[in-house]
């Protein structure tokens, strides 16, 4: 992934947190992709795969670069976020408020560009390692594209 440097992070940057599911092998074997997206750059600053539980949320938060850990974070009402993200910088909100639009848009982009994330498809990952590698490749390309776009602005 394209790593965030301390001079890339602005004081007004905001993180949007969300999770999405896909499956490996069969539909009973769900894997959750946890994401942290910077609102200004639209880059994915951290991600984690695993079950939809508090431990996975903690592992996602551990992967967030230190420079972003002081920024305001918005998420949905999933019960793990308030337990992991510090109370003074976390705000849970409904989708209608629009505070998680960028991460939700990224989820849609991911589902559109990578067939193994489409819910009703014949394409799916047969093993977890293939899913992880595919996700990493996609994120490197996506973050590189976003970095070029932000640099032009």
N, C-alpha and C. Protein backbone atom coordinates (compact mmCIF):
# COMPACT_ATOMS: atom_id res chain seq x y z
N UNK A 1 0.84 -1.19 0.00
CA UNK A 1 0.00 0.00 0.00
C UNK A 1 0.87 1.24 0.00
N UNK A 2 0.30 2.33 -0.47
CA UNK A 2 0.98 3.60 -0.41
C UNK A 2 0.84 4.12 1.01
N UNK A 3 1.94 4.20 1.71
CA UNK A 3 1.91 4.59 3.12
C UNK A 3 1.76 6.10 3.26
N UNK A 4 1.03 6.52 4.27
CA UNK A 4 0.88 7.93 4.57
C UNK A 4 2.12 8.42 5.30
N UNK A 5 2.63 9.56 4.85
CA UNK A 5 3.77 10.17 5.54
C UNK A 5 3.23 11.25 6.45
N UNK A 6 3.97 11.58 7.48
CA UNK A 6 3.48 12.55 8.45
C UNK A 6 3.19 13.91 7.81
N UNK A 7 3.93 14.29 6.76
CA UNK A 7 3.66 15.57 6.11
C UNK A 7 2.47 15.49 5.16
N UNK A 8 1.96 14.28 4.87
CA UNK A 8 0.76 14.12 4.04
C UNK A 8 -0.52 14.33 4.84
N UNK A 9 -0.46 14.17 6.14
CA UNK A 9 -1.63 14.24 7.00
C UNK A 9 -1.85 15.69 7.43
N UNK A 10 -3.05 16.18 7.18
CA UNK A 10 -3.40 17.54 7.59
C UNK A 10 -4.20 17.51 8.88
N UNK A 11 -4.19 18.62 9.59
CA UNK A 11 -4.90 18.70 10.86
C UNK A 11 -6.40 18.46 10.72
N UNK A 12 -6.95 18.81 9.56
CA UNK A 12 -8.39 18.68 9.34
C UNK A 12 -8.80 17.33 8.75
N UNK A 13 -7.84 16.43 8.53
CA UNK A 13 -8.17 15.13 7.95
C UNK A 13 -9.11 14.35 8.88
N UNK A 14 -9.99 13.59 8.26
CA UNK A 14 -10.99 12.80 8.97
C UNK A 14 -10.90 11.37 8.45
N UNK A 15 -11.04 10.41 9.32
CA UNK A 15 -11.09 9.00 8.93
C UNK A 15 -12.53 8.51 8.94
N UNK A 16 -12.84 7.69 7.96
CA UNK A 16 -14.13 7.02 7.91
C UNK A 16 -13.86 5.52 8.01
N UNK A 17 -14.55 4.86 8.93
CA UNK A 17 -14.33 3.44 9.20
C UNK A 17 -15.57 2.64 8.80
N UNK A 18 -15.32 1.48 8.21
CA UNK A 18 -16.44 0.62 7.83
C UNK A 18 -15.93 -0.80 7.61
N UNK A 19 -16.86 -1.71 7.45
CA UNK A 19 -16.52 -3.09 7.17
C UNK A 19 -17.48 -3.61 6.10
N UNK A 20 -16.99 -4.55 5.30
CA UNK A 20 -17.83 -5.17 4.27
C UNK A 20 -17.49 -6.66 4.24
N UNK A 21 -18.42 -7.46 3.77
CA UNK A 21 -18.18 -8.90 3.78
C UNK A 21 -18.01 -9.43 2.37
N UNK A 22 -17.31 -10.52 2.30
CA UNK A 22 -17.24 -11.34 1.10
C UNK A 22 -17.10 -12.78 1.59
N UNK A 23 -17.02 -13.72 0.70
CA UNK A 23 -16.90 -15.09 1.17
C UNK A 23 -15.75 -15.81 0.46
N UNK A 24 -15.26 -16.83 1.11
CA UNK A 24 -14.15 -17.63 0.60
C UNK A 24 -14.60 -19.08 0.55
N UNK A 25 -14.58 -19.66 -0.63
CA UNK A 25 -14.95 -21.07 -0.78
C UNK A 25 -16.43 -21.29 -0.95
N UNK A 26 -17.22 -20.85 0.03
CA UNK A 26 -18.68 -20.94 -0.07
C UNK A 26 -19.30 -19.82 0.76
N UNK A 27 -20.59 -19.61 0.58
CA UNK A 27 -21.25 -18.46 1.23
C UNK A 27 -21.36 -18.57 2.74
N UNK A 28 -21.12 -19.74 3.28
CA UNK A 28 -21.15 -19.91 4.73
C UNK A 28 -19.85 -19.42 5.37
N UNK A 29 -18.80 -19.28 4.58
CA UNK A 29 -17.49 -18.88 5.09
C UNK A 29 -17.26 -17.39 4.80
N UNK A 30 -17.88 -16.53 5.59
CA UNK A 30 -17.76 -15.09 5.39
C UNK A 30 -16.45 -14.56 5.95
N UNK A 31 -15.88 -13.60 5.23
CA UNK A 31 -14.70 -12.88 5.68
C UNK A 31 -15.08 -11.40 5.63
N UNK A 32 -14.74 -10.69 6.69
CA UNK A 32 -15.04 -9.26 6.74
C UNK A 32 -13.78 -8.48 6.44
N UNK A 33 -13.92 -7.48 5.58
CA UNK A 33 -12.84 -6.57 5.24
C UNK A 33 -13.11 -5.28 6.01
N UNK A 34 -12.21 -4.92 6.90
CA UNK A 34 -12.33 -3.71 7.71
C UNK A 34 -11.49 -2.62 7.06
N UNK A 35 -12.04 -1.41 6.94
CA UNK A 35 -11.38 -0.34 6.20
C UNK A 35 -11.33 0.96 6.99
N UNK A 36 -10.24 1.70 6.80
CA UNK A 36 -10.12 3.07 7.30
C UNK A 36 -9.71 3.93 6.11
N UNK A 37 -10.58 4.89 5.74
CA UNK A 37 -10.37 5.72 4.55
C UNK A 37 -10.24 7.18 4.98
N UNK A 38 -9.25 7.87 4.42
CA UNK A 38 -9.09 9.30 4.66
C UNK A 38 -10.08 10.05 3.79
N UNK A 39 -10.86 10.92 4.38
CA UNK A 39 -11.89 11.64 3.65
C UNK A 39 -11.31 12.58 2.60
N UNK A 40 -10.23 13.25 2.91
CA UNK A 40 -9.66 14.25 1.97
C UNK A 40 -9.03 13.59 0.75
N UNK A 41 -8.22 12.56 0.97
CA UNK A 41 -7.49 11.94 -0.14
C UNK A 41 -8.23 10.74 -0.74
N UNK A 42 -9.20 10.21 -0.03
CA UNK A 42 -9.96 9.02 -0.42
C UNK A 42 -9.08 7.78 -0.43
N UNK A 43 -7.89 7.85 0.14
CA UNK A 43 -7.00 6.70 0.19
C UNK A 43 -7.36 5.80 1.36
N UNK A 44 -7.14 4.51 1.17
CA UNK A 44 -7.31 3.55 2.25
C UNK A 44 -6.02 3.59 3.06
N UNK A 45 -6.11 4.06 4.30
CA UNK A 45 -4.91 4.20 5.13
C UNK A 45 -4.64 2.93 5.94
N UNK A 46 -5.65 2.09 6.12
CA UNK A 46 -5.46 0.82 6.82
C UNK A 46 -6.61 -0.12 6.46
N UNK A 47 -6.30 -1.41 6.50
CA UNK A 47 -7.35 -2.41 6.29
C UNK A 47 -6.97 -3.68 7.03
N UNK A 48 -7.97 -4.48 7.29
CA UNK A 48 -7.77 -5.74 7.99
C UNK A 48 -8.85 -6.71 7.52
N UNK A 49 -8.55 -7.98 7.52
CA UNK A 49 -9.54 -9.00 7.20
C UNK A 49 -9.72 -9.89 8.42
N UNK A 50 -10.91 -10.41 8.58
CA UNK A 50 -11.18 -11.30 9.70
C UNK A 50 -12.66 -11.33 10.00
N UNK A 51 -13.04 -11.88 11.14
CA UNK A 51 -14.45 -11.91 11.51
C UNK A 51 -14.94 -10.51 11.91
N UNK A 52 -16.23 -10.39 12.05
CA UNK A 52 -16.82 -9.10 12.45
C UNK A 52 -16.92 -9.09 13.97
N UNK A 53 -15.77 -8.81 14.62
CA UNK A 53 -15.75 -8.80 16.07
C UNK A 53 -14.81 -7.70 16.58
N UNK A 54 -14.76 -7.55 17.88
CA UNK A 54 -13.97 -6.49 18.50
C UNK A 54 -12.47 -6.68 18.26
N UNK A 55 -12.01 -7.90 18.21
CA UNK A 55 -10.58 -8.16 17.99
C UNK A 55 -10.16 -7.66 16.61
N UNK A 56 -10.97 -7.92 15.60
CA UNK A 56 -10.65 -7.43 14.26
C UNK A 56 -10.65 -5.91 14.22
N UNK A 57 -11.56 -5.30 14.94
CA UNK A 57 -11.60 -3.84 15.01
C UNK A 57 -10.32 -3.32 15.67
N UNK A 58 -9.87 -3.97 16.72
CA UNK A 58 -8.62 -3.58 17.39
C UNK A 58 -7.43 -3.73 16.45
N UNK A 59 -7.42 -4.80 15.66
CA UNK A 59 -6.33 -5.03 14.72
C UNK A 59 -6.34 -3.98 13.60
N UNK A 60 -7.53 -3.57 13.16
CA UNK A 60 -7.62 -2.48 12.18
C UNK A 60 -7.04 -1.21 12.78
N UNK A 61 -7.46 -0.86 14.00
CA UNK A 61 -7.00 0.37 14.65
C UNK A 61 -5.48 0.34 14.85
N UNK A 62 -4.93 -0.82 15.13
CA UNK A 62 -3.48 -0.95 15.30
C UNK A 62 -2.74 -0.68 13.99
N UNK A 63 -3.40 -0.93 12.86
CA UNK A 63 -2.77 -0.72 11.54
C UNK A 63 -2.89 0.72 11.05
N UNK A 64 -3.75 1.51 11.68
CA UNK A 64 -3.90 2.92 11.28
C UNK A 64 -2.59 3.64 11.61
N UNK A 65 -2.01 4.36 10.62
CA UNK A 65 -0.76 5.08 10.90
C UNK A 65 -0.92 6.05 12.07
N UNK A 66 0.14 6.19 12.84
CA UNK A 66 0.12 7.00 14.05
C UNK A 66 -0.37 8.42 13.79
N UNK A 67 0.00 8.98 12.64
CA UNK A 67 -0.39 10.37 12.30
C UNK A 67 -1.90 10.54 12.21
N UNK A 68 -2.62 9.47 11.87
CA UNK A 68 -4.08 9.55 11.73
C UNK A 68 -4.81 9.23 13.04
N UNK A 69 -4.12 8.67 14.01
CA UNK A 69 -4.80 8.23 15.23
C UNK A 69 -5.30 9.37 16.11
N UNK A 70 -4.93 10.60 15.80
CA UNK A 70 -5.43 11.74 16.56
C UNK A 70 -6.57 12.44 15.83
N UNK A 71 -6.92 11.96 14.64
CA UNK A 71 -7.95 12.60 13.82
C UNK A 71 -9.35 12.12 14.23
N UNK A 72 -10.34 12.89 13.84
CA UNK A 72 -11.74 12.52 14.07
C UNK A 72 -12.09 11.32 13.21
N UNK A 73 -12.85 10.39 13.75
CA UNK A 73 -13.25 9.17 13.04
C UNK A 73 -14.76 9.04 13.05
N UNK A 74 -15.32 8.70 11.90
CA UNK A 74 -16.74 8.45 11.78
C UNK A 74 -16.94 7.00 11.37
N UNK A 75 -17.97 6.37 11.93
CA UNK A 75 -18.29 4.98 11.60
C UNK A 75 -19.79 4.78 11.71
N UNK A 76 -20.22 3.57 11.37
CA UNK A 76 -21.61 3.20 11.60
C UNK A 76 -21.78 2.84 13.08
N UNK A 77 -22.90 2.28 13.42
CA UNK A 77 -23.20 2.00 14.82
C UNK A 77 -22.74 0.61 15.28
N UNK A 78 -21.84 -0.02 14.56
CA UNK A 78 -21.37 -1.34 14.97
C UNK A 78 -20.71 -1.22 16.34
N UNK A 79 -21.05 -2.11 17.24
CA UNK A 79 -20.68 -1.98 18.66
C UNK A 79 -19.18 -2.04 18.94
N UNK A 80 -18.37 -2.52 18.02
CA UNK A 80 -16.92 -2.63 18.27
C UNK A 80 -16.20 -1.29 18.21
N UNK A 81 -16.67 -0.37 17.38
CA UNK A 81 -15.94 0.89 17.19
C UNK A 81 -15.80 1.72 18.47
N UNK A 82 -16.89 1.94 19.23
CA UNK A 82 -16.72 2.75 20.44
C UNK A 82 -15.82 2.11 21.50
N UNK A 83 -15.69 0.80 21.44
CA UNK A 83 -14.83 0.11 22.40
C UNK A 83 -13.35 0.24 22.06
N UNK A 84 -13.05 0.52 20.78
CA UNK A 84 -11.67 0.54 20.31
C UNK A 84 -11.17 1.96 20.04
N UNK A 85 -11.95 2.74 19.33
CA UNK A 85 -11.54 4.11 18.98
C UNK A 85 -11.79 5.01 20.19
N UNK A 86 -10.82 5.86 20.54
CA UNK A 86 -11.01 6.74 21.70
C UNK A 86 -12.28 7.58 21.58
N UNK A 87 -12.99 7.67 22.69
CA UNK A 87 -14.31 8.31 22.74
C UNK A 87 -14.30 9.75 22.22
N UNK A 88 -13.24 10.52 22.55
CA UNK A 88 -13.21 11.94 22.17
C UNK A 88 -13.03 12.16 20.67
N UNK A 89 -12.63 11.14 19.93
CA UNK A 89 -12.45 11.33 18.49
C UNK A 89 -13.34 10.43 17.64
N UNK A 90 -14.23 9.68 18.26
CA UNK A 90 -15.13 8.80 17.51
C UNK A 90 -16.55 9.33 17.51
N UNK A 91 -17.18 9.24 16.33
CA UNK A 91 -18.58 9.63 16.22
C UNK A 91 -19.30 8.57 15.38
N UNK A 92 -20.26 7.89 15.98
CA UNK A 92 -21.07 6.92 15.26
C UNK A 92 -22.24 7.65 14.61
N UNK A 93 -22.53 7.32 13.36
CA UNK A 93 -23.59 8.03 12.66
C UNK A 93 -24.29 7.11 11.67
N UNK A 94 -25.50 7.49 11.32
CA UNK A 94 -26.27 6.73 10.34
C UNK A 94 -25.80 7.11 8.93
N UNK A 95 -26.06 6.24 7.98
CA UNK A 95 -25.66 6.51 6.59
C UNK A 95 -26.30 7.78 6.05
N UNK A 96 -27.51 8.09 6.52
CA UNK A 96 -28.23 9.26 6.03
C UNK A 96 -27.52 10.57 6.39
N UNK A 97 -26.69 10.56 7.42
CA UNK A 97 -25.96 11.77 7.81
C UNK A 97 -24.87 12.12 6.81
N UNK A 98 -24.40 11.16 6.05
CA UNK A 98 -23.40 11.41 5.03
C UNK A 98 -21.96 11.47 5.52
N UNK A 99 -21.72 11.14 6.77
CA UNK A 99 -20.36 11.22 7.31
C UNK A 99 -19.49 10.04 6.91
N UNK A 100 -20.09 8.99 6.38
CA UNK A 100 -19.30 7.84 5.93
C UNK A 100 -19.46 7.60 4.42
N UNK A 101 -19.81 8.65 3.68
CA UNK A 101 -20.03 8.51 2.24
C UNK A 101 -18.82 7.99 1.49
N UNK A 102 -17.63 8.46 1.85
CA UNK A 102 -16.44 8.09 1.09
C UNK A 102 -16.07 6.62 1.27
N UNK A 103 -16.17 6.12 2.48
CA UNK A 103 -15.84 4.71 2.70
C UNK A 103 -16.93 3.82 2.09
N UNK A 104 -18.18 4.24 2.13
CA UNK A 104 -19.25 3.48 1.50
C UNK A 104 -19.06 3.49 -0.02
N UNK A 105 -18.65 4.62 -0.57
CA UNK A 105 -18.37 4.70 -2.01
C UNK A 105 -17.20 3.79 -2.36
N UNK A 106 -16.18 3.72 -1.50
CA UNK A 106 -15.07 2.82 -1.76
C UNK A 106 -15.54 1.37 -1.78
N UNK A 107 -16.43 1.01 -0.87
CA UNK A 107 -16.98 -0.35 -0.86
C UNK A 107 -17.64 -0.68 -2.20
N UNK A 108 -18.39 0.28 -2.73
CA UNK A 108 -19.05 0.07 -4.03
C UNK A 108 -18.02 -0.03 -5.15
N UNK A 109 -17.00 0.82 -5.11
CA UNK A 109 -15.93 0.75 -6.11
C UNK A 109 -15.25 -0.60 -6.08
N UNK A 110 -14.97 -1.08 -4.89
CA UNK A 110 -14.34 -2.38 -4.74
C UNK A 110 -15.22 -3.49 -5.32
N UNK A 111 -16.50 -3.44 -5.03
CA UNK A 111 -17.42 -4.46 -5.55
C UNK A 111 -17.56 -4.37 -7.07
N UNK A 112 -17.46 -3.15 -7.64
CA UNK A 112 -17.57 -3.00 -9.08
C UNK A 112 -16.31 -3.44 -9.82
N UNK A 113 -15.15 -3.15 -9.26
CA UNK A 113 -13.89 -3.42 -9.96
C UNK A 113 -13.32 -4.81 -9.71
N UNK A 114 -13.67 -5.42 -8.60
CA UNK A 114 -13.11 -6.73 -8.25
C UNK A 114 -14.27 -7.72 -8.13
N UNK A 115 -14.36 -8.62 -9.09
CA UNK A 115 -15.53 -9.51 -9.17
C UNK A 115 -15.67 -10.41 -7.95
N UNK A 116 -14.59 -10.74 -7.28
CA UNK A 116 -14.71 -11.64 -6.13
C UNK A 116 -15.40 -10.99 -4.93
N UNK A 117 -15.65 -9.67 -5.00
CA UNK A 117 -16.37 -8.99 -3.92
C UNK A 117 -17.85 -8.76 -4.25
N UNK A 118 -18.26 -9.13 -5.46
CA UNK A 118 -19.66 -8.99 -5.84
C UNK A 118 -20.46 -10.05 -5.10
N UNK A 119 -21.61 -9.68 -4.60
CA UNK A 119 -22.37 -10.60 -3.74
C UNK A 119 -22.92 -11.80 -4.49
N UNK A 120 -23.53 -11.57 -5.65
CA UNK A 120 -24.12 -12.67 -6.41
C UNK A 120 -23.30 -12.87 -7.68
N UNK A 121 -22.30 -13.72 -7.60
CA UNK A 121 -21.41 -13.92 -8.72
C UNK A 121 -20.89 -15.35 -8.74
N UNK A 122 -20.37 -15.73 -9.88
CA UNK A 122 -19.70 -17.02 -9.98
C UNK A 122 -18.22 -16.89 -9.65
N UNK A 123 -17.72 -15.66 -9.58
CA UNK A 123 -16.32 -15.41 -9.22
C UNK A 123 -16.22 -15.26 -7.72
N UNK A 124 -15.39 -16.03 -7.12
CA UNK A 124 -15.15 -15.89 -5.69
C UNK A 124 -13.78 -16.48 -5.39
N UNK A 125 -13.24 -16.13 -4.26
CA UNK A 125 -11.95 -16.65 -3.85
C UNK A 125 -12.12 -18.05 -3.30
N UNK A 126 -11.29 -18.94 -3.77
CA UNK A 126 -11.37 -20.32 -3.27
C UNK A 126 -10.57 -20.51 -2.01
N UNK A 127 -9.61 -19.60 -1.78
CA UNK A 127 -8.89 -19.66 -0.51
C UNK A 127 -8.56 -18.23 -0.05
N UNK A 128 -8.33 -18.09 1.22
CA UNK A 128 -8.13 -16.78 1.84
C UNK A 128 -6.88 -16.08 1.32
N UNK A 129 -5.83 -16.82 1.06
CA UNK A 129 -4.59 -16.22 0.58
C UNK A 129 -4.80 -15.51 -0.75
N UNK A 130 -5.57 -16.10 -1.65
CA UNK A 130 -5.87 -15.44 -2.94
C UNK A 130 -6.64 -14.14 -2.71
N UNK A 131 -7.60 -14.15 -1.80
CA UNK A 131 -8.37 -12.95 -1.50
C UNK A 131 -7.46 -11.84 -0.95
N UNK A 132 -6.58 -12.19 -0.03
CA UNK A 132 -5.69 -11.21 0.58
C UNK A 132 -4.75 -10.62 -0.47
N UNK A 133 -4.18 -11.46 -1.30
CA UNK A 133 -3.27 -10.97 -2.35
C UNK A 133 -3.99 -10.06 -3.33
N UNK A 134 -5.18 -10.45 -3.72
CA UNK A 134 -5.96 -9.64 -4.66
C UNK A 134 -6.30 -8.29 -4.04
N UNK A 135 -6.67 -8.30 -2.79
CA UNK A 135 -7.00 -7.05 -2.10
C UNK A 135 -5.78 -6.14 -2.01
N UNK A 136 -4.63 -6.69 -1.66
CA UNK A 136 -3.40 -5.89 -1.58
C UNK A 136 -3.06 -5.27 -2.93
N UNK A 137 -3.13 -6.05 -4.00
CA UNK A 137 -2.85 -5.52 -5.33
C UNK A 137 -3.81 -4.40 -5.70
N UNK A 138 -5.08 -4.62 -5.42
CA UNK A 138 -6.06 -3.58 -5.73
C UNK A 138 -5.78 -2.31 -4.94
N UNK A 139 -5.46 -2.44 -3.65
CA UNK A 139 -5.23 -1.26 -2.81
C UNK A 139 -3.98 -0.48 -3.24
N UNK A 140 -2.94 -1.18 -3.65
CA UNK A 140 -1.74 -0.48 -4.14
C UNK A 140 -2.10 0.35 -5.36
N UNK A 141 -2.82 -0.25 -6.28
CA UNK A 141 -3.20 0.48 -7.49
C UNK A 141 -4.16 1.63 -7.17
N UNK A 142 -5.15 1.37 -6.37
CA UNK A 142 -6.14 2.39 -6.02
C UNK A 142 -5.49 3.57 -5.30
N UNK A 143 -4.67 3.28 -4.28
CA UNK A 143 -4.02 4.36 -3.53
C UNK A 143 -3.04 5.14 -4.39
N UNK A 144 -2.36 4.47 -5.32
CA UNK A 144 -1.46 5.16 -6.22
C UNK A 144 -2.24 6.11 -7.13
N UNK A 145 -3.37 5.66 -7.66
CA UNK A 145 -4.23 6.52 -8.47
C UNK A 145 -4.70 7.73 -7.67
N UNK A 146 -5.14 7.49 -6.45
CA UNK A 146 -5.65 8.57 -5.60
C UNK A 146 -4.53 9.57 -5.28
N UNK A 147 -3.32 9.08 -5.04
CA UNK A 147 -2.19 9.95 -4.72
C UNK A 147 -1.88 10.87 -5.90
N UNK A 148 -1.94 10.32 -7.13
CA UNK A 148 -1.72 11.14 -8.33
C UNK A 148 -2.80 12.21 -8.47
N UNK A 149 -4.04 11.84 -8.21
CA UNK A 149 -5.15 12.80 -8.32
C UNK A 149 -5.00 13.92 -7.30
N UNK A 150 -4.68 13.58 -6.07
CA UNK A 150 -4.53 14.58 -5.00
C UNK A 150 -3.35 15.49 -5.31
N UNK A 151 -2.28 14.95 -5.88
CA UNK A 151 -1.09 15.75 -6.20
C UNK A 151 -1.39 16.81 -7.25
N UNK A 152 -2.34 16.52 -8.15
CA UNK A 152 -2.72 17.50 -9.19
C UNK A 152 -3.56 18.65 -8.66
N UNK A 153 -4.22 18.44 -7.54
CA UNK A 153 -5.12 19.47 -7.01
C UNK A 153 -4.39 20.62 -6.36
